[in-house]
Amino acid sequence: MKLRQPTDFLILEELEEKGRNVATNLAHHTGKSRKNVNTRLPLLEDYGLVQKIGPLSSLVCTRLRG
């Protein structure tokens, strides 16, 4: 597993602190672009660290796995 710092850790910290969230909010809270967050979320899901739990209308919610 290869997490790319700091984006992966920022995403995971935000999800741990706030719970489930969408990429737009994660981007805002981490200071990263939505595109960057949307690129990293599927990889974090592949590693078994996050789980998609949406869709919520047209948005996909993500949460920490576990």
Protein backbone atom coordinates (compact mmCIF):
# COMPACT_ATOMS: atom_id res chain seq x y z
CA MET A 1 0.00 0.00 0.00
CA LYS A 2 1.36 3.38 -0.95
CA LEU A 3 -0.44 6.39 0.47
CA ARG A 4 0.51 9.69 -1.10
CA GLN A 5 1.17 12.32 1.52
CA PRO A 6 -0.32 14.63 2.49
CA THR A 7 -3.54 14.21 0.47
CA ASP A 8 -4.38 10.64 1.52
CA PHE A 9 -3.74 11.35 5.17
CA LEU A 10 -5.68 14.61 5.07
CA ILE A 11 -8.67 12.81 3.53
CA LEU A 12 -8.51 10.03 6.12
CA GLU A 13 -8.15 12.50 8.99
CA GLU A 14 -11.14 14.51 7.78
CA LEU A 15 -13.29 11.39 7.43
CA GLU A 16 -12.23 10.20 10.88
CA GLU A 17 -13.02 13.57 12.44
CA LYS A 18 -16.28 14.43 10.64
CA GLY A 19 -17.60 11.05 9.51
CA ARG A 20 -19.08 10.43 6.09
CA ASN A 21 -18.67 13.17 3.55
CA VAL A 22 -18.60 14.01 -0.15
CA ALA A 23 -15.57 14.87 -2.29
CA THR A 24 -16.50 18.55 -2.59
CA ASN A 25 -16.51 18.98 1.19
CA LEU A 26 -13.37 16.90 1.60
CA ALA A 27 -11.60 19.09 -0.95
CA HIS A 28 -12.69 22.24 0.85
CA HIS A 29 -11.61 20.99 4.29
CA THR A 30 -8.27 19.56 3.10
CA GLY A 31 -7.33 22.47 0.82
CA LYS A 32 -6.96 20.08 -2.14
CA SER A 33 -8.82 20.20 -5.44
CA ARG A 34 -11.99 18.16 -5.89
CA LYS A 35 -10.32 16.44 -8.84
CA ASN A 36 -7.41 15.41 -6.63
CA VAL A 37 -9.74 14.09 -3.92
CA ASN A 38 -11.85 12.22 -6.49
CA THR A 39 -8.66 10.64 -7.85
CA ARG A 40 -7.51 9.49 -4.42
CA LEU A 41 -10.83 8.16 -3.03
CA PRO A 42 -11.03 5.09 -5.32
CA LEU A 43 -7.45 4.18 -4.38
CA LEU A 44 -8.23 4.51 -0.69
CA GLU A 45 -11.26 2.31 -1.33
CA ASP A 46 -9.06 -0.28 -3.08
CA TYR A 47 -6.81 -0.31 0.00
CA GLY A 48 -9.88 -1.02 2.12
CA LEU A 49 -9.59 2.26 4.03
CA VAL A 50 -12.77 4.01 2.89
CA GLN A 51 -16.14 2.84 1.64
CA LYS A 52 -18.61 4.41 -0.78
CA ILE A 53 -22.01 4.64 0.83
CA GLY A 54 -23.86 6.85 -1.68
CA PRO A 55 -25.19 7.95 -3.95
CA LEU A 56 -26.97 10.77 -2.25
CA SER A 57 -28.83 12.34 -5.18
CA SER A 58 -25.93 12.79 -7.62
CA LEU A 59 -23.21 12.89 -4.94
CA VAL A 60 -21.27 9.92 -3.61
CA CYS A 61 -20.66 9.86 0.13
CA THR A 62 -17.56 8.24 1.52
CA ARG A 63 -16.72 7.12 5.03
CA LEU A 64 -13.89 5.39 6.82
CA ARG A 65 -14.20 1.67 6.63
CA GLY A 66 -14.79 -0.18 9.84
